[in-house]
Amino acid sequence: MDLRSRQEDYINLNPLQVGGRTSANTRLMVNSYLDGYAVCDQCSGALHQIPKPDIAGLTAKMANFLGADLVRFTHGVREAKYLLIKALLKKGDIIVVDGNAHYSTYLAAERVGVEVYSVPNSGYPEYKIKPSNYRKAIRKVKKKTGKMPKLLVLTQVDGQYGNLVDAKKIAQIAKEFKIPLLINSAYLAGRTKVNLKKIGANFIVASGHKSFGAPGTIGALGITKKWVDKLFYQSKNFSPKEVELLGCAARNAAIIGLAVAMETIEERIKLWPEELKKTNWLVEKLEALGEIKQLGEKPKQHDLVYLETPILDKIAKTKRKRGYFLAKELKKKGIIGIRPGLTKKIKFSTYGLTWPQVKYVYQAFKQILKEGEHGI
């Protein structure tokens, strides 16, 4: 296998990776915990109680950061969602999710045998989720099935358009109908602060490798104390092992990387307003080039950008590489992360880039368009 040097050699715009860029200190510390079960040197039976390395301190710090009473770590957000749905629901129960929910939300429900009803987005071009439509969806489920949903799920920022939804308004609806609410904050918590209790929800899932600058894969499930006995209950035969976690979940490199990343989390979230400025600046400049349109809410409230780019598709038709020409041309200019083969619509993120890098990305697109339009 070859060593991977994409972060070192290129400007990476991949939305799946930018929030998980690791620091040199994180990589150094992770390297010392690569051996099998290295974090378990002083384990007394429960991962979240290990004193050295200070996993116990990390658990408490993450709970405080997320505004939760208790937190447990999982192998990722999808595992956290599945754990919760499996523990609380049974086959034939119903959940209501937003229309921009990640596919893994549906798979978690399908694995348990739970039915899913979705709240539709507003459609082209913004694809927004209107909080009041959750109320309509709940009533629709009741009328159609005679049953109330057992869980509401909100993708706080979706992974397609980067739309930010008002979670507090949906929490109010959840309380109105006395239905628990899960906040999927994989793309937001860690970039900025998200507080479960201030939102008024019951559960939150966050992603270390999507938004905290931690190596993948690791997720966090935060809950309010009311739900401890249903989610984090201990085995009758192997105390203090927690059944729904199969004893322990995320271990070694992932959890050590997250622990190091959490040491600088307060400095990280201070950069969020500037990150939004860079994103909106680039969107505005790209749209001004012509035949480029940003999809999703405007102005952007998140760094993930989804563009409709008919001009690039026209240029692609004149190239031997067709749709692959864009990724090829960008790579020549030291830019990667936009999915090869796509030109009608492209998705990227500027998170973590410096202003000179953001401006360089703009100039690269400008030059590609200028050169390509000669062949149309």
Foldseek 3Di string as FASTA:
>chain_A
DDDDCLVPQFAAFALLFQQQAADPVLVVQLVVFPPPQSQCPQDPQAQCPRPVVHSVVVQVLVCVLQQFPGKAKAQALLLLLLLVCQLQHAAAAEEEEEPLDDVSNVVSCVVRNYHYDYQFAPDPFARHGDLCSVLVRQVVCCVVPVDGHQEYEYAQAHPAQRAGDLLLSNLVVCVVVVHAYEYECAQPPQQAGHHCVVSNGFKYKYFCRNHLNFDHGMMMIGGYPVCCCRRQNDDPVRPPAGVSCVRGHDDRSRSSSSVVSSVCSVVNNVCQVVQLVLQQVLQVLVVVLDQKDWGHDPPRNHFKTKIQHVLQQVLLVLDPLRQQVVQVQSVVVRYHNWDGSDGRMTITGCPPPDSVVSVSVSVSVSVCSVVSVVRD
